[in-house]
């Protein structure tokens, strides 16, 4: 029992340290305004170095936070998440993909009128639609898993 309490305290300290690091990266991100060097002109206007640092730091923070969060879960919660992601995420992806294809075949315009209808916008729409469908499927499957085991 004492080992679990010690591990939980160490885990919380690590997450607190990560949060402080993210706060420091936020300060750097908003204060560094110089353009990113070596940015290809074909990609458009270069973002500031601060934005790049902040985005990279946020990605590392999310990855590490997810790792520590996953380690803190018990076996039942891990199984619920794995099952929900496999079944809900996959079935949501299939259903969402089918809905987008059917909408495209039917000629439904899925982009708002103010958004330019470019290839990049359509690709972004596809990515967002796929993620949203997976997230909805995951949420439904996660709830179903816990309801079935009540």
C-alpha atoms as a PDB file:
ATOM      1  CA  UNK A   1       0.000   0.000   0.000  1.00  0.00           C
ATOM      2  CA  UNK A   2       2.787   2.406   0.896  1.00  0.00           C
ATOM      3  CA  UNK A   3       4.505   1.728  -2.434  1.00  0.00           C
ATOM      4  CA  UNK A   4       1.344   2.697  -4.337  1.00  0.00           C
ATOM      5  CA  UNK A   5       1.047   5.937  -2.374  1.00  0.00           C
ATOM      6  CA  UNK A   6       4.715   6.743  -3.007  1.00  0.00           C
ATOM      7  CA  UNK A   7       4.316   5.989  -6.724  1.00  0.00           C
ATOM      8  CA  UNK A   8       1.190   8.175  -6.924  1.00  0.00           C
ATOM      9  CA  UNK A   9       3.003  11.057  -5.216  1.00  0.00           C
ATOM     10  CA  UNK A  10       5.974  10.736  -7.577  1.00  0.00           C
ATOM     11  CA  UNK A  11       3.599  10.598 -10.534  1.00  0.00           C
ATOM     12  CA  UNK A  12       1.843  13.791  -9.368  1.00  0.00           C
ATOM     13  CA  UNK A  13       5.179  15.566  -8.881  1.00  0.00           C
ATOM     14  CA  UNK A  14       6.232  14.607 -12.399  1.00  0.00           C
ATOM     15  CA  UNK A  15       2.970  15.920 -13.851  1.00  0.00           C
ATOM     16  CA  UNK A  16       3.377  19.140 -11.860  1.00  0.00           C
ATOM     17  CA  UNK A  17       6.917  19.518 -13.233  1.00  0.00           C
ATOM     18  CA  UNK A  18       5.590  18.986 -16.760  1.00  0.00           C
ATOM     19  CA  UNK A  19       2.963  21.690 -16.220  1.00  0.00           C
ATOM     20  CA  UNK A  20       5.627  24.160 -15.054  1.00  0.00           C
ATOM     21  CA  UNK A  21       7.702  23.339 -18.139  1.00  0.00           C
ATOM     22  CA  UNK A  22       4.702  23.936 -20.386  1.00  0.00           C
ATOM     23  CA  UNK A  23       4.095  27.298 -18.707  1.00  0.00           C
ATOM     24  CA  UNK A  24       7.729  28.258 -19.387  1.00  0.00           C
ATOM     25  CA  UNK A  25       7.338  27.210 -23.038  1.00  0.00           C
ATOM     26  CA  UNK A  26       4.214  29.354 -23.273  1.00  0.00           C
ATOM     27  CA  UNK A  27       6.181  32.396 -22.117  1.00  0.00           C
ATOM     28  CA  UNK A  28       8.868  31.661 -24.711  1.00  0.00           C
ATOM     29  CA  UNK A  29       6.226  30.996 -27.355  1.00  0.00           C
ATOM     30  CA  UNK A  30       4.522  34.354 -26.995  1.00  0.00           C
ATOM     31  CA  UNK A  31       7.736  36.352 -26.635  1.00  0.00           C
ATOM     32  CA  UNK A  32       9.852  34.944 -29.493  1.00  0.00           C
ATOM     33  CA  UNK A  33       8.505  36.646 -32.604  1.00  0.00           C
ATOM     34  CA  UNK A  34      11.335  36.171 -35.120  1.00  0.00           C
ATOM     35  CA  UNK A  35      10.367  34.194 -38.213  1.00  0.00           C
ATOM     36  CA  UNK A  36      11.459  30.576 -38.455  1.00  0.00           C
ATOM     37  CA  UNK A  37      14.650  30.388 -40.544  1.00  0.00           C
ATOM     38  CA  UNK A  38      14.972  28.005 -43.485  1.00  0.00           C
ATOM     39  CA  UNK A  39      11.192  27.985 -44.083  1.00  0.00           C
ATOM     40  CA  UNK A  40      10.392  27.046 -47.704  1.00  0.00           C
ATOM     41  CA  UNK A  41       8.671  29.915 -49.510  1.00  0.00           C
ATOM     42  CA  UNK A  42       6.334  27.437 -51.196  1.00  0.00           C
ATOM     43  CA  UNK A  43       4.768  26.750 -47.775  1.00  0.00           C
ATOM     44  CA  UNK A  44       3.720  30.365 -47.324  1.00  0.00           C
ATOM     45  CA  UNK A  45       4.585  32.782 -44.536  1.00  0.00           C
ATOM     46  CA  UNK A  46       6.943  31.349 -41.917  1.00  0.00           C
ATOM     47  CA  UNK A  47       5.600  31.006 -38.369  1.00  0.00           C
ATOM     48  CA  UNK A  48       7.532  32.608 -35.537  1.00  0.00           C
ATOM     49  CA  UNK A  49      10.139  30.568 -33.693  1.00  0.00           C
ATOM     50  CA  UNK A  50       8.034  30.930 -30.556  1.00  0.00           C
ATOM     51  CA  UNK A  51       5.065  29.216 -32.194  1.00  0.00           C
ATOM     52  CA  UNK A  52       7.291  26.350 -33.359  1.00  0.00           C
ATOM     53  CA  UNK A  53       8.823  25.965 -29.881  1.00  0.00           C
ATOM     54  CA  UNK A  54       5.390  26.085 -28.261  1.00  0.00           C
ATOM     55  CA  UNK A  55       3.931  23.502 -30.669  1.00  0.00           C
ATOM     56  CA  UNK A  56       6.867  21.126 -30.162  1.00  0.00           C
ATOM     57  CA  UNK A  57       6.729  21.567 -26.383  1.00  0.00           C
ATOM     58  CA  UNK A  58       2.988  20.972 -26.360  1.00  0.00           C
ATOM     59  CA  UNK A  59       3.415  17.767 -28.357  1.00  0.00           C
ATOM     60  CA  UNK A  60       6.041  16.481 -25.902  1.00  0.00           C
ATOM     61  CA  UNK A  61       3.888  17.535 -22.934  1.00  0.00           C
ATOM     62  CA  UNK A  62       0.845  15.700 -24.290  1.00  0.00           C
ATOM     63  CA  UNK A  63       2.861  12.557 -24.981  1.00  0.00           C
ATOM     64  CA  UNK A  64       4.451  12.504 -21.525  1.00  0.00           C
ATOM     65  CA  UNK A  65       1.219  13.413 -19.760  1.00  0.00           C
ATOM     66  CA  UNK A  66      -0.562  10.571 -21.585  1.00  0.00           C
ATOM     67  CA  UNK A  67       2.172   8.151 -20.547  1.00  0.00           C
ATOM     68  CA  UNK A  68       1.916   9.073 -16.856  1.00  0.00           C
ATOM     69  CA  UNK A  69      -1.886   9.094 -17.034  1.00  0.00           C
ATOM     70  CA  UNK A  70      -1.914   5.613 -18.586  1.00  0.00           C
ATOM     71  CA  UNK A  71       0.424   4.286 -15.909  1.00  0.00           C
ATOM     72  CA  UNK A  72      -1.883   5.619 -13.187  1.00  0.00           C
ATOM     73  CA  UNK A  73      -4.924   3.676 -14.458  1.00  0.00           C
ATOM     74  CA  UNK A  74      -5.976   0.363 -12.977  1.00  0.00           C
ATOM     75  CA  UNK A  75      -6.435  -2.737 -15.136  1.00  0.00           C
ATOM     76  CA  UNK A  76     -10.201  -2.320 -15.593  1.00  0.00           C
ATOM     77  CA  UNK A  77      -9.869   1.260 -16.812  1.00  0.00           C
ATOM     78  CA  UNK A  78      -7.074   0.290 -19.201  1.00  0.00           C
ATOM     79  CA  UNK A  79      -9.167  -2.507 -20.652  1.00  0.00           C
ATOM     80  CA  UNK A  80     -12.138  -0.162 -21.064  1.00  0.00           C
ATOM     81  CA  UNK A  81     -10.017   2.349 -22.981  1.00  0.00           C
ATOM     82  CA  UNK A  82      -8.341  -0.276 -25.162  1.00  0.00           C
ATOM     83  CA  UNK A  83     -11.641  -1.959 -26.005  1.00  0.00           C
ATOM     84  CA  UNK A  84     -13.398   1.344 -26.663  1.00  0.00           C
ATOM     85  CA  UNK A  85     -10.600   2.615 -28.885  1.00  0.00           C
ATOM     86  CA  UNK A  86     -10.418  -0.602 -30.902  1.00  0.00           C
ATOM     87  CA  UNK A  87     -14.134  -1.154 -31.438  1.00  0.00           C
ATOM     88  CA  UNK A  88     -15.533   2.349 -31.084  1.00  0.00           C
ATOM     89  CA  UNK A  89     -12.714   4.093 -32.910  1.00  0.00           C
ATOM     90  CA  UNK A  90     -12.698   1.667 -35.809  1.00  0.00           C
ATOM     91  CA  UNK A  91     -16.470   1.453 -36.197  1.00  0.00           C
ATOM     92  CA  UNK A  92     -16.763   5.224 -35.814  1.00  0.00           C
ATOM     93  CA  UNK A  93     -14.115   5.698 -38.489  1.00  0.00           C
ATOM     94  CA  UNK A  94     -15.944   3.358 -40.872  1.00  0.00           C
ATOM     95  CA  UNK A  95     -19.337   4.984 -40.205  1.00  0.00           C
ATOM     96  CA  UNK A  96     -17.922   8.516 -40.455  1.00  0.00           C
ATOM     97  CA  UNK A  97     -16.041   7.680 -43.636  1.00  0.00           C
ATOM     98  CA  UNK A  98     -19.163   6.188 -45.167  1.00  0.00           C
ATOM     99  CA  UNK A  99     -21.149   9.297 -44.214  1.00  0.00           C
ATOM    100  CA  UNK A 100     -18.576  11.610 -45.838  1.00  0.00           C
ATOM    101  CA  UNK A 101     -18.481   9.478 -48.998  1.00  0.00           C
ATOM    102  CA  UNK A 102     -22.288   9.383 -49.197  1.00  0.00           C
ATOM    103  CA  UNK A 103     -22.451  13.144 -48.693  1.00  0.00           C
ATOM    104  CA  UNK A 104     -19.881  13.676 -51.439  1.00  0.00           C
ATOM    105  CA  UNK A 105     -21.715  11.362 -53.833  1.00  0.00           C
ATOM    106  CA  UNK A 106     -25.013  13.127 -53.065  1.00  0.00           C
ATOM    107  CA  UNK A 107     -23.381  16.478 -53.804  1.00  0.00           C
ATOM    108  CA  UNK A 108     -23.701  17.862 -50.281  1.00  0.00           C
ATOM    109  CA  UNK A 109     -21.269  20.712 -49.664  1.00  0.00           C
ATOM    110  CA  UNK A 110     -19.648  19.959 -46.293  1.00  0.00           C
ATOM    111  CA  UNK A 111     -17.483  23.072 -46.153  1.00  0.00           C
ATOM    112  CA  UNK A 112     -18.912  26.358 -44.870  1.00  0.00           C
ATOM    113  CA  UNK A 113     -19.506  28.985 -47.574  1.00  0.00           C
ATOM    114  CA  UNK A 114     -16.822  31.340 -46.192  1.00  0.00           C
ATOM    115  CA  UNK A 115     -14.093  28.651 -46.468  1.00  0.00           C
ATOM    116  CA  UNK A 116     -12.350  28.549 -49.849  1.00  0.00           C
ATOM    117  CA  UNK A 117     -12.956  25.180 -51.502  1.00  0.00           C
ATOM    118  CA  UNK A 118      -9.339  24.187 -52.065  1.00  0.00           C
ATOM    119  CA  UNK A 119      -7.681  20.796 -51.911  1.00  0.00           C
ATOM    120  CA  UNK A 120      -6.075  21.725 -48.588  1.00  0.00           C
ATOM    121  CA  UNK A 121      -9.452  22.621 -47.090  1.00  0.00           C
ATOM    122  CA  UNK A 122     -10.943  19.336 -48.269  1.00  0.00           C
ATOM    123  CA  UNK A 123      -8.034  17.378 -46.805  1.00  0.00           C
ATOM    124  CA  UNK A 124      -8.399  19.238 -43.501  1.00  0.00           C
ATOM    125  CA  UNK A 125     -12.126  18.472 -43.527  1.00  0.00           C
ATOM    126  CA  UNK A 126     -11.376  14.789 -44.057  1.00  0.00           C
ATOM    127  CA  UNK A 127      -8.901  14.700 -41.177  1.00  0.00           C
ATOM    128  CA  UNK A 128     -11.276  16.493 -38.809  1.00  0.00           C
ATOM    129  CA  UNK A 129     -14.209  14.308 -39.879  1.00  0.00           C
ATOM    130  CA  UNK A 130     -12.173  11.127 -39.338  1.00  0.00           C
ATOM    131  CA  UNK A 131     -10.997  12.247 -35.899  1.00  0.00           C
ATOM    132  CA  UNK A 132     -14.484  13.362 -34.865  1.00  0.00           C
ATOM    133  CA  UNK A 133     -16.027  10.080 -36.004  1.00  0.00           C
ATOM    134  CA  UNK A 134     -13.408   8.075 -34.110  1.00  0.00           C
ATOM    135  CA  UNK A 135     -13.887  10.186 -30.983  1.00  0.00           C
ATOM    136  CA  UNK A 136     -17.676   9.781 -31.048  1.00  0.00           C
ATOM    137  CA  UNK A 137     -17.366   6.027 -31.630  1.00  0.00           C
ATOM    138  CA  UNK A 138     -14.811   5.768 -28.831  1.00  0.00           C
ATOM    139  CA  UNK A 139     -17.043   7.654 -26.398  1.00  0.00           C
ATOM    140  CA  UNK A 140     -20.061   5.509 -27.188  1.00  0.00           C
ATOM    141  CA  UNK A 141     -18.072   2.271 -26.916  1.00  0.00           C
ATOM    142  CA  UNK A 142     -16.447   3.371 -23.648  1.00  0.00           C
ATOM    143  CA  UNK A 143     -19.866   4.085 -22.129  1.00  0.00           C
ATOM    144  CA  UNK A 144     -21.191   0.759 -23.447  1.00  0.00           C
ATOM    145  CA  UNK A 145     -18.239  -1.126 -21.927  1.00  0.00           C
ATOM    146  CA  UNK A 146     -18.858   0.319 -18.460  1.00  0.00           C
ATOM    147  CA  UNK A 147     -22.654  -0.086 -18.681  1.00  0.00           C
ATOM    148  CA  UNK A 148     -22.254  -3.747 -19.655  1.00  0.00           C
ATOM    149  CA  UNK A 149     -20.038  -4.367 -16.608  1.00  0.00           C
ATOM    150  CA  UNK A 150     -22.163  -2.620 -13.977  1.00  0.00           C
END
